[in-house]
N, C-alpha and C. Protein backbone atom coordinates (compact mmCIF):
# COMPACT_ATOMS: atom_id res chain seq x y z
N MET A 1 65.18 -25.10 43.83
CA MET A 1 64.52 -25.95 42.86
C MET A 1 65.35 -27.22 42.67
N LYS A 2 64.73 -28.36 42.80
CA LYS A 2 65.42 -29.63 42.63
C LYS A 2 65.40 -30.03 41.16
N THR A 3 66.51 -30.57 40.72
CA THR A 3 66.56 -31.09 39.36
C THR A 3 66.96 -32.54 39.40
N ASN A 4 66.52 -33.27 38.42
CA ASN A 4 66.87 -34.68 38.31
C ASN A 4 68.21 -34.79 37.60
N ARG A 5 69.26 -35.15 38.29
CA ARG A 5 70.60 -35.21 37.71
C ARG A 5 70.79 -36.40 36.77
N ASN A 6 69.89 -37.38 36.82
CA ASN A 6 70.01 -38.56 35.99
C ASN A 6 69.33 -38.40 34.63
N TRP A 7 68.69 -37.27 34.40
CA TRP A 7 67.98 -37.05 33.15
C TRP A 7 68.97 -36.87 32.00
N THR A 8 68.71 -37.50 30.87
CA THR A 8 69.57 -37.35 29.69
C THR A 8 68.70 -37.05 28.49
N LEU A 9 69.34 -36.50 27.46
CA LEU A 9 68.62 -36.21 26.22
C LEU A 9 68.23 -37.51 25.53
N PRO A 10 67.14 -37.51 24.81
CA PRO A 10 66.78 -38.71 24.07
C PRO A 10 67.77 -38.96 22.94
N LYS A 11 67.91 -40.21 22.58
CA LYS A 11 68.81 -40.57 21.49
C LYS A 11 68.24 -40.01 20.18
N PRO A 12 69.06 -39.34 19.36
CA PRO A 12 68.53 -38.75 18.12
C PRO A 12 68.17 -39.82 17.10
N GLU A 13 67.25 -39.45 16.22
CA GLU A 13 66.85 -40.35 15.15
C GLU A 13 67.96 -40.42 14.10
N GLU A 14 68.11 -41.59 13.52
CA GLU A 14 69.10 -41.75 12.45
C GLU A 14 68.53 -41.13 11.17
N THR A 15 69.33 -40.34 10.49
CA THR A 15 68.90 -39.74 9.23
C THR A 15 69.63 -40.40 8.07
N GLU A 16 69.00 -40.35 6.92
CA GLU A 16 69.56 -40.99 5.73
C GLU A 16 70.49 -40.04 4.95
N ASP A 17 70.40 -38.73 5.21
CA ASP A 17 71.23 -37.79 4.44
C ASP A 17 72.65 -37.82 4.99
N GLY A 18 73.55 -38.25 4.18
CA GLY A 18 74.95 -38.34 4.58
C GLY A 18 75.67 -37.03 4.31
N TYR A 19 76.74 -36.80 4.99
CA TYR A 19 77.55 -35.61 4.79
C TYR A 19 78.89 -35.99 4.20
N ASN A 20 79.45 -35.11 3.44
CA ASN A 20 80.76 -35.33 2.85
C ASN A 20 81.75 -34.40 3.56
N TRP A 21 82.46 -34.90 4.53
CA TRP A 21 83.38 -34.10 5.33
C TRP A 21 84.74 -34.05 4.67
N LYS A 22 85.37 -32.89 4.69
CA LYS A 22 86.67 -32.70 4.07
C LYS A 22 87.70 -32.25 5.11
N PRO A 23 88.96 -32.57 4.89
CA PRO A 23 90.01 -32.08 5.80
C PRO A 23 90.09 -30.55 5.76
N VAL A 24 90.52 -29.96 6.85
CA VAL A 24 90.67 -28.51 6.94
C VAL A 24 92.06 -28.17 7.43
N VAL A 25 92.47 -26.94 7.18
CA VAL A 25 93.78 -26.47 7.62
C VAL A 25 93.67 -25.99 9.06
N ARG A 26 94.64 -26.34 9.85
CA ARG A 26 94.66 -25.95 11.25
C ARG A 26 95.11 -24.50 11.35
N VAL A 27 94.30 -23.66 11.97
CA VAL A 27 94.64 -22.25 12.12
C VAL A 27 94.81 -21.84 13.57
N GLY A 28 94.33 -22.65 14.49
CA GLY A 28 94.41 -22.29 15.90
C GLY A 28 95.26 -23.26 16.68
N ARG A 29 95.31 -22.99 17.94
CA ARG A 29 96.12 -23.80 18.83
C ARG A 29 95.42 -25.11 19.20
N THR A 30 94.11 -25.04 19.37
CA THR A 30 93.36 -26.22 19.76
C THR A 30 92.77 -26.92 18.54
N ILE A 31 92.56 -28.20 18.69
CA ILE A 31 91.95 -28.98 17.62
C ILE A 31 90.45 -29.00 17.89
N PRO A 32 89.63 -28.54 16.94
CA PRO A 32 88.19 -28.47 17.19
C PRO A 32 87.54 -29.84 17.29
N PHE A 33 86.39 -29.85 17.95
CA PHE A 33 85.62 -31.07 18.12
C PHE A 33 85.24 -31.60 16.74
N GLY A 34 85.45 -32.89 16.52
CA GLY A 34 85.11 -33.50 15.24
C GLY A 34 86.29 -33.65 14.30
N TYR A 35 87.47 -33.22 14.75
CA TYR A 35 88.67 -33.32 13.91
C TYR A 35 89.82 -33.88 14.72
N ARG A 36 90.79 -34.43 14.02
CA ARG A 36 92.02 -34.91 14.64
C ARG A 36 93.19 -34.47 13.77
N GLN A 37 94.34 -34.34 14.37
CA GLN A 37 95.52 -33.88 13.67
C GLN A 37 96.06 -35.00 12.78
N SER A 38 96.44 -34.64 11.56
CA SER A 38 97.02 -35.61 10.63
C SER A 38 98.42 -35.99 11.12
N GLU A 39 98.75 -37.26 10.95
CA GLU A 39 100.07 -37.73 11.37
C GLU A 39 101.16 -37.30 10.41
N GLU A 40 100.82 -37.11 9.13
CA GLU A 40 101.81 -36.69 8.13
C GLU A 40 102.06 -35.18 8.13
N ASP A 41 100.99 -34.40 8.33
CA ASP A 41 101.08 -32.95 8.26
C ASP A 41 100.45 -32.34 9.50
N ARG A 42 101.22 -31.63 10.31
CA ARG A 42 100.72 -31.06 11.56
C ARG A 42 99.70 -29.95 11.33
N ASP A 43 99.70 -29.34 10.14
CA ASP A 43 98.78 -28.24 9.86
C ASP A 43 97.48 -28.69 9.21
N LEU A 44 97.28 -29.98 9.11
CA LEU A 44 96.08 -30.51 8.48
C LEU A 44 95.24 -31.26 9.52
N LEU A 45 93.95 -30.95 9.54
CA LEU A 45 93.03 -31.62 10.45
C LEU A 45 92.12 -32.54 9.65
N LEU A 46 92.07 -33.79 10.05
CA LEU A 46 91.25 -34.79 9.38
C LEU A 46 89.92 -34.92 10.11
N PRO A 47 88.81 -35.06 9.37
CA PRO A 47 87.51 -35.15 10.02
C PRO A 47 87.30 -36.51 10.70
N ILE A 48 86.59 -36.48 11.81
CA ILE A 48 86.12 -37.69 12.48
C ILE A 48 84.62 -37.73 12.21
N VAL A 49 84.21 -38.55 11.28
CA VAL A 49 82.85 -38.55 10.75
C VAL A 49 81.81 -38.74 11.86
N GLU A 50 82.03 -39.67 12.75
CA GLU A 50 81.06 -39.95 13.80
C GLU A 50 80.81 -38.72 14.67
N GLU A 51 81.89 -38.03 15.05
CA GLU A 51 81.75 -36.86 15.90
C GLU A 51 81.06 -35.71 15.17
N LEU A 52 81.39 -35.52 13.90
CA LEU A 52 80.77 -34.44 13.14
C LEU A 52 79.28 -34.69 12.91
N GLU A 53 78.91 -35.95 12.69
CA GLU A 53 77.49 -36.26 12.53
C GLU A 53 76.74 -36.07 13.85
N LEU A 54 77.38 -36.44 14.96
CA LEU A 54 76.77 -36.19 16.27
C LEU A 54 76.63 -34.69 16.52
N LEU A 55 77.61 -33.91 16.09
CA LEU A 55 77.53 -32.46 16.26
C LEU A 55 76.37 -31.87 15.46
N GLU A 56 76.15 -32.38 14.24
CA GLU A 56 75.01 -31.92 13.44
C GLU A 56 73.69 -32.24 14.13
N LYS A 57 73.59 -33.41 14.73
CA LYS A 57 72.38 -33.77 15.46
C LYS A 57 72.23 -32.91 16.70
N ALA A 58 73.34 -32.60 17.34
CA ALA A 58 73.30 -31.77 18.55
C ALA A 58 72.80 -30.36 18.24
N LYS A 59 73.12 -29.86 17.07
CA LYS A 59 72.66 -28.52 16.68
C LYS A 59 71.14 -28.46 16.65
N LYS A 60 70.50 -29.56 16.28
CA LYS A 60 69.04 -29.59 16.24
C LYS A 60 68.45 -29.58 17.65
N PHE A 61 69.18 -30.12 18.63
CA PHE A 61 68.71 -30.16 20.01
C PHE A 61 68.80 -28.80 20.70
N ILE A 62 69.61 -27.90 20.18
CA ILE A 62 69.80 -26.59 20.81
C ILE A 62 68.48 -25.83 20.88
N ARG A 63 67.58 -26.06 19.96
CA ARG A 63 66.29 -25.37 19.97
C ARG A 63 65.44 -25.78 21.17
N GLN A 64 65.65 -26.99 21.69
CA GLN A 64 64.81 -27.50 22.76
C GLN A 64 65.50 -27.56 24.11
N TYR A 65 66.82 -27.70 24.11
CA TYR A 65 67.56 -27.92 25.36
C TYR A 65 68.65 -26.87 25.51
N SER A 66 69.20 -26.79 26.71
CA SER A 66 70.26 -25.82 26.98
C SER A 66 71.58 -26.31 26.38
N TYR A 67 72.51 -25.37 26.23
CA TYR A 67 73.83 -25.72 25.71
C TYR A 67 74.53 -26.72 26.64
N ARG A 68 74.35 -26.55 27.93
CA ARG A 68 74.98 -27.43 28.90
C ARG A 68 74.46 -28.86 28.75
N GLN A 69 73.15 -29.01 28.60
CA GLN A 69 72.57 -30.35 28.44
C GLN A 69 73.02 -31.00 27.13
N VAL A 70 73.03 -30.21 26.06
CA VAL A 70 73.44 -30.75 24.76
C VAL A 70 74.92 -31.10 24.77
N ALA A 71 75.74 -30.27 25.40
CA ALA A 71 77.18 -30.56 25.48
C ALA A 71 77.43 -31.83 26.29
N ASN A 72 76.69 -32.03 27.36
CA ASN A 72 76.83 -33.26 28.15
C ASN A 72 76.42 -34.48 27.32
N TRP A 73 75.32 -34.36 26.59
CA TRP A 73 74.87 -35.46 25.72
C TRP A 73 75.93 -35.76 24.66
N LEU A 74 76.46 -34.70 24.04
CA LEU A 74 77.46 -34.86 22.99
C LEU A 74 78.73 -35.51 23.52
N SER A 75 79.16 -35.11 24.70
CA SER A 75 80.35 -35.71 25.32
C SER A 75 80.12 -37.18 25.63
N THR A 76 78.92 -37.51 26.11
CA THR A 76 78.59 -38.90 26.44
C THR A 76 78.55 -39.76 25.18
N GLN A 77 77.92 -39.27 24.13
CA GLN A 77 77.75 -40.04 22.91
C GLN A 77 79.07 -40.24 22.16
N SER A 78 79.91 -39.20 22.14
CA SER A 78 81.13 -39.25 21.32
C SER A 78 82.33 -39.81 22.09
N GLY A 79 82.32 -39.67 23.41
CA GLY A 79 83.47 -40.09 24.19
C GLY A 79 84.56 -39.02 24.23
N ARG A 80 84.32 -37.89 23.61
CA ARG A 80 85.27 -36.77 23.60
C ARG A 80 84.61 -35.60 24.29
N ASN A 81 85.31 -34.96 25.18
CA ASN A 81 84.73 -33.91 26.00
C ASN A 81 84.60 -32.61 25.21
N ILE A 82 83.44 -31.95 25.36
CA ILE A 82 83.22 -30.61 24.83
C ILE A 82 82.41 -29.85 25.86
N SER A 83 82.82 -28.65 26.17
CA SER A 83 82.12 -27.85 27.17
C SER A 83 80.94 -27.14 26.52
N HIS A 84 80.02 -26.65 27.35
CA HIS A 84 78.88 -25.92 26.81
C HIS A 84 79.32 -24.61 26.17
N VAL A 85 80.37 -24.00 26.71
CA VAL A 85 80.88 -22.75 26.12
C VAL A 85 81.54 -23.05 24.77
N GLY A 86 82.29 -24.14 24.68
CA GLY A 86 82.91 -24.52 23.42
C GLY A 86 81.87 -24.84 22.36
N LEU A 87 80.79 -25.51 22.76
CA LEU A 87 79.71 -25.82 21.83
C LEU A 87 79.03 -24.54 21.36
N MET A 88 78.79 -23.63 22.29
CA MET A 88 78.14 -22.38 21.93
C MET A 88 79.00 -21.57 20.96
N LYS A 89 80.30 -21.49 21.22
CA LYS A 89 81.20 -20.76 20.33
C LYS A 89 81.21 -21.39 18.94
N ARG A 90 81.29 -22.71 18.90
CA ARG A 90 81.33 -23.43 17.62
C ARG A 90 80.08 -23.15 16.80
N ILE A 91 78.92 -23.21 17.43
CA ILE A 91 77.66 -22.98 16.72
C ILE A 91 77.53 -21.54 16.27
N ARG A 92 77.91 -20.60 17.11
CA ARG A 92 77.82 -19.18 16.75
C ARG A 92 78.76 -18.83 15.61
N ILE A 93 79.97 -19.36 15.62
CA ILE A 93 80.91 -19.10 14.53
C ILE A 93 80.38 -19.65 13.22
N GLU A 94 79.83 -20.87 13.25
CA GLU A 94 79.28 -21.46 12.03
C GLU A 94 78.09 -20.65 11.52
N GLN A 95 77.23 -20.17 12.42
CA GLN A 95 76.10 -19.34 12.00
C GLN A 95 76.57 -18.03 11.39
N LYS A 96 77.60 -17.44 12.00
CA LYS A 96 78.14 -16.18 11.49
C LYS A 96 78.72 -16.37 10.09
N ARG A 97 79.47 -17.45 9.89
CA ARG A 97 80.05 -17.72 8.58
C ARG A 97 78.98 -18.00 7.54
N LYS A 98 77.95 -18.71 7.92
CA LYS A 98 76.87 -19.02 7.00
C LYS A 98 76.14 -17.74 6.58
N THR A 99 75.87 -16.86 7.54
CA THR A 99 75.20 -15.60 7.24
C THR A 99 76.07 -14.72 6.34
N GLU A 100 77.36 -14.67 6.64
CA GLU A 100 78.28 -13.86 5.84
C GLU A 100 78.39 -14.38 4.41
N ALA A 101 78.43 -15.68 4.24
CA ALA A 101 78.50 -16.27 2.90
C ALA A 101 77.23 -15.97 2.12
N SER A 102 76.09 -16.04 2.79
CA SER A 102 74.82 -15.74 2.14
C SER A 102 74.78 -14.28 1.70
N THR A 103 75.25 -13.39 2.55
CA THR A 103 75.29 -11.97 2.20
C THR A 103 76.21 -11.72 1.01
N GLN A 104 77.37 -12.36 1.00
CA GLN A 104 78.31 -12.19 -0.11
C GLN A 104 77.72 -12.69 -1.43
N ARG A 105 77.01 -13.82 -1.39
CA ARG A 105 76.37 -14.33 -2.61
C ARG A 105 75.30 -13.37 -3.11
N TYR A 106 74.52 -12.81 -2.18
CA TYR A 106 73.48 -11.84 -2.54
C TYR A 106 74.09 -10.60 -3.18
N LEU A 107 75.14 -10.06 -2.57
CA LEU A 107 75.78 -8.87 -3.13
C LEU A 107 76.43 -9.14 -4.48
N ALA A 108 77.02 -10.31 -4.64
CA ALA A 108 77.62 -10.67 -5.93
C ALA A 108 76.56 -10.70 -7.02
N GLN A 109 75.39 -11.22 -6.71
CA GLN A 109 74.30 -11.26 -7.69
C GLN A 109 73.83 -9.84 -8.02
N ARG A 110 73.71 -8.99 -6.99
CA ARG A 110 73.28 -7.61 -7.23
C ARG A 110 74.30 -6.85 -8.08
N TYR A 111 75.59 -7.04 -7.82
CA TYR A 111 76.62 -6.36 -8.61
C TYR A 111 76.61 -6.85 -10.05
N LYS A 112 76.37 -8.12 -10.25
CA LYS A 112 76.30 -8.68 -11.60
C LYS A 112 75.14 -8.06 -12.36
N GLU A 113 73.99 -7.93 -11.72
CA GLU A 113 72.83 -7.31 -12.36
C GLU A 113 73.09 -5.84 -12.66
N ALA A 114 73.72 -5.11 -11.73
CA ALA A 114 74.02 -3.70 -11.94
C ALA A 114 75.00 -3.52 -13.09
N LEU A 115 76.00 -4.39 -13.20
CA LEU A 115 76.95 -4.31 -14.30
C LEU A 115 76.26 -4.53 -15.63
N GLN A 116 75.35 -5.50 -15.68
CA GLN A 116 74.62 -5.77 -16.92
C GLN A 116 73.76 -4.57 -17.32
N LYS A 117 73.09 -3.93 -16.36
CA LYS A 117 72.29 -2.74 -16.64
C LYS A 117 73.15 -1.60 -17.14
N ALA A 118 74.32 -1.40 -16.53
CA ALA A 118 75.22 -0.33 -16.96
C ALA A 118 75.71 -0.58 -18.39
N GLN A 119 76.03 -1.81 -18.72
CA GLN A 119 76.47 -2.13 -20.08
C GLN A 119 75.35 -1.93 -21.08
N ASP A 120 74.12 -2.29 -20.70
CA ASP A 120 72.98 -2.06 -21.59
C ASP A 120 72.74 -0.58 -21.82
N LEU A 121 72.86 0.23 -20.77
CA LEU A 121 72.68 1.67 -20.91
C LEU A 121 73.76 2.28 -21.80
N GLU A 122 74.99 1.87 -21.64
CA GLU A 122 76.07 2.39 -22.46
C GLU A 122 75.88 2.02 -23.92
N ALA A 123 75.36 0.86 -24.20
CA ALA A 123 75.15 0.43 -25.58
C ALA A 123 74.02 1.21 -26.25
N LYS A 124 73.05 1.71 -25.49
CA LYS A 124 71.90 2.42 -26.04
C LYS A 124 72.12 3.92 -26.17
N VAL A 125 73.21 4.44 -25.68
CA VAL A 125 73.45 5.88 -25.70
C VAL A 125 73.57 6.35 -27.15
N THR A 126 72.75 7.36 -27.51
CA THR A 126 72.83 7.92 -28.87
C THR A 126 73.87 9.03 -28.89
N GLY A 127 74.50 9.22 -30.02
CA GLY A 127 75.52 10.24 -30.15
C GLY A 127 76.84 9.82 -29.56
N ARG A 128 76.98 8.60 -29.29
CA ARG A 128 78.23 8.10 -28.74
C ARG A 128 79.23 7.96 -29.87
N ARG A 129 80.39 8.46 -29.65
CA ARG A 129 81.38 8.38 -30.73
C ARG A 129 82.09 7.04 -30.70
N GLU A 130 82.56 6.62 -31.83
CA GLU A 130 83.25 5.35 -31.95
C GLU A 130 84.63 5.45 -31.32
N GLU A 131 85.06 4.38 -30.75
CA GLU A 131 86.40 4.33 -30.16
C GLU A 131 87.43 4.27 -31.28
N GLY A 132 88.51 5.01 -31.13
CA GLY A 132 89.62 4.97 -32.09
C GLY A 132 89.48 5.95 -33.26
N ILE A 133 88.32 6.60 -33.45
CA ILE A 133 88.16 7.59 -34.53
C ILE A 133 88.18 8.97 -33.91
N PRO A 134 89.17 9.81 -34.29
CA PRO A 134 89.24 11.16 -33.72
C PRO A 134 88.02 12.00 -34.11
N THR A 135 87.66 12.96 -33.29
CA THR A 135 86.52 13.84 -33.54
C THR A 135 86.81 14.69 -34.77
N GLY A 136 85.82 14.83 -35.63
CA GLY A 136 85.96 15.64 -36.83
C GLY A 136 86.38 14.85 -38.05
N GLN A 137 86.82 13.63 -37.91
CA GLN A 137 87.22 12.80 -39.05
C GLN A 137 86.27 11.62 -39.15
N THR A 138 85.68 11.45 -40.31
CA THR A 138 84.80 10.30 -40.53
C THR A 138 85.17 9.56 -41.77
């Protein structure tokens, strides 16, 4: 099967919703795409806004194009190389963290509701003795 090697992804549309990127702590050996090492602190990674915004746009292309095509487009647009495997790992890790955070928020809400129900049940119990008063003395 012949493929057209000159084909490229279309340029993404500019969006008006801006992102507020924050520095992150370096935990690995490699510096992730969209960040650069701080000159003052080696353990701090500073965001590169242009690359991170391109990465957000690239995530939308994954639904229509392969990881290899999107990684090539991202490398061309940003001037910084990222492999299709690196892009895939980055997206999967972010999805995993997002799912885990959502689950934790859901469980926290359920535990809060269960605690409130338990406190309501304890308050309604009849024949409950007062705290601090020994049995038999009133």
